[in-house]
Amino acid sequence: MPATTKKFTPEIDAKLYKEFVSAAKQNGQSQRYILEQALAFYLHNVVPLQYLVRHEVMKDFEQSVAANRDLIQRLAK
């Protein structure tokens, strides 16, 4: 059974598009292949990591570390 496909036409930054087309040509790959690989990588590797620690939690942690830097350094000794 052939793979199901879905057509879509995104608008992207012109400079990024030029890089995308150039990379496809240089690697002897189709634009479709590169786009599918990039989307798969993003969806399977980047998106899941965004939910490990919420932005607000990291911001509060960084503020706490900055506020308590002297104490942290003394405890480390």
Protein backbone atom coordinates (compact mmCIF):
# COMPACT_ATOMS: atom_id res chain seq x y z
CA MET A 1 0.00 0.00 0.00
CA PRO A 2 1.52 3.36 -0.99
CA ALA A 3 2.15 5.97 1.66
CA THR A 4 -0.54 8.57 2.08
CA THR A 5 0.57 12.12 1.37
CA LYS A 6 -0.87 15.55 2.03
CA LYS A 7 -0.13 18.61 -0.06
CA PHE A 8 0.47 21.94 1.62
CA THR A 9 2.13 25.18 0.55
CA PRO A 10 3.86 27.01 3.37
CA GLU A 11 5.28 30.50 3.00
CA ILE A 12 8.77 30.77 4.47
CA ASP A 13 11.55 33.32 4.67
CA ALA A 14 13.11 33.82 1.22
CA LYS A 15 16.69 33.43 2.50
CA LEU A 16 15.81 30.21 4.30
CA TYR A 17 14.09 28.90 1.18
CA LYS A 18 17.19 29.62 -0.88
CA GLU A 19 19.34 27.67 1.63
CA PHE A 20 16.81 24.83 1.56
CA VAL A 21 16.86 24.56 -2.25
CA SER A 22 20.65 24.80 -2.32
CA ALA A 23 21.04 22.04 0.29
CA ALA A 24 18.74 19.77 -1.69
CA LYS A 25 20.76 20.29 -4.87
CA GLN A 26 24.12 19.89 -3.14
CA ASN A 27 23.05 16.62 -1.52
CA GLY A 28 21.27 15.26 -4.58
CA GLN A 29 18.05 15.00 -2.61
CA SER A 30 14.56 16.18 -3.39
CA GLN A 31 13.13 19.17 -1.61
CA ARG A 32 10.31 16.93 -0.43
CA TYR A 33 12.76 14.49 1.17
CA ILE A 34 14.64 17.25 3.01
CA LEU A 35 11.43 18.89 4.19
CA GLU A 36 10.02 15.57 5.45
CA GLN A 37 13.28 14.75 7.26
CA ALA A 38 13.41 18.20 8.84
CA LEU A 39 9.80 18.00 10.00
CA ALA A 40 10.28 14.48 11.37
CA PHE A 41 13.42 15.53 13.26
CA TYR A 42 11.69 18.59 14.72
CA LEU A 43 8.56 16.70 15.74
CA HIS A 44 10.39 13.70 17.22
CA ASN A 45 13.37 15.41 18.84
CA VAL A 46 12.75 19.10 19.47
CA VAL A 47 9.07 19.23 20.42
CA PRO A 48 9.29 16.56 23.16
CA LEU A 49 12.20 18.39 24.81
CA GLN A 50 10.20 21.60 25.04
CA TYR A 51 7.90 19.99 27.57
CA LEU A 52 10.54 18.56 29.90
CA VAL A 53 10.89 21.81 31.83
CA ARG A 54 8.49 24.68 31.41
CA HIS A 55 9.95 28.06 30.51
CA GLU A 56 8.53 29.64 33.68
CA VAL A 57 10.22 27.02 35.87
CA MET A 58 13.61 27.59 34.26
CA LYS A 59 13.22 31.37 34.59
CA ASP A 60 12.45 31.05 38.32
CA PHE A 61 15.36 28.61 38.78
CA GLU A 62 17.81 30.98 37.07
CA GLN A 63 16.60 33.88 39.21
CA SER A 64 17.03 31.79 42.35
CA VAL A 65 20.54 30.77 41.38
CA ALA A 66 21.48 34.39 40.66
CA ALA A 67 20.02 35.60 43.95
CA ASN A 68 21.76 32.87 45.95
CA ARG A 69 25.07 32.70 44.07
CA ASP A 70 27.20 33.53 47.13
CA LEU A 71 25.48 30.91 49.26
CA ILE A 72 25.80 28.28 46.53
CA GLN A 73 29.53 28.99 46.18
CA ARG A 74 30.07 28.78 49.96
CA LEU A 75 28.15 25.48 50.14
CA ALA A 76 30.17 24.09 47.24
CA LYS A 77 33.38 24.61 49.25
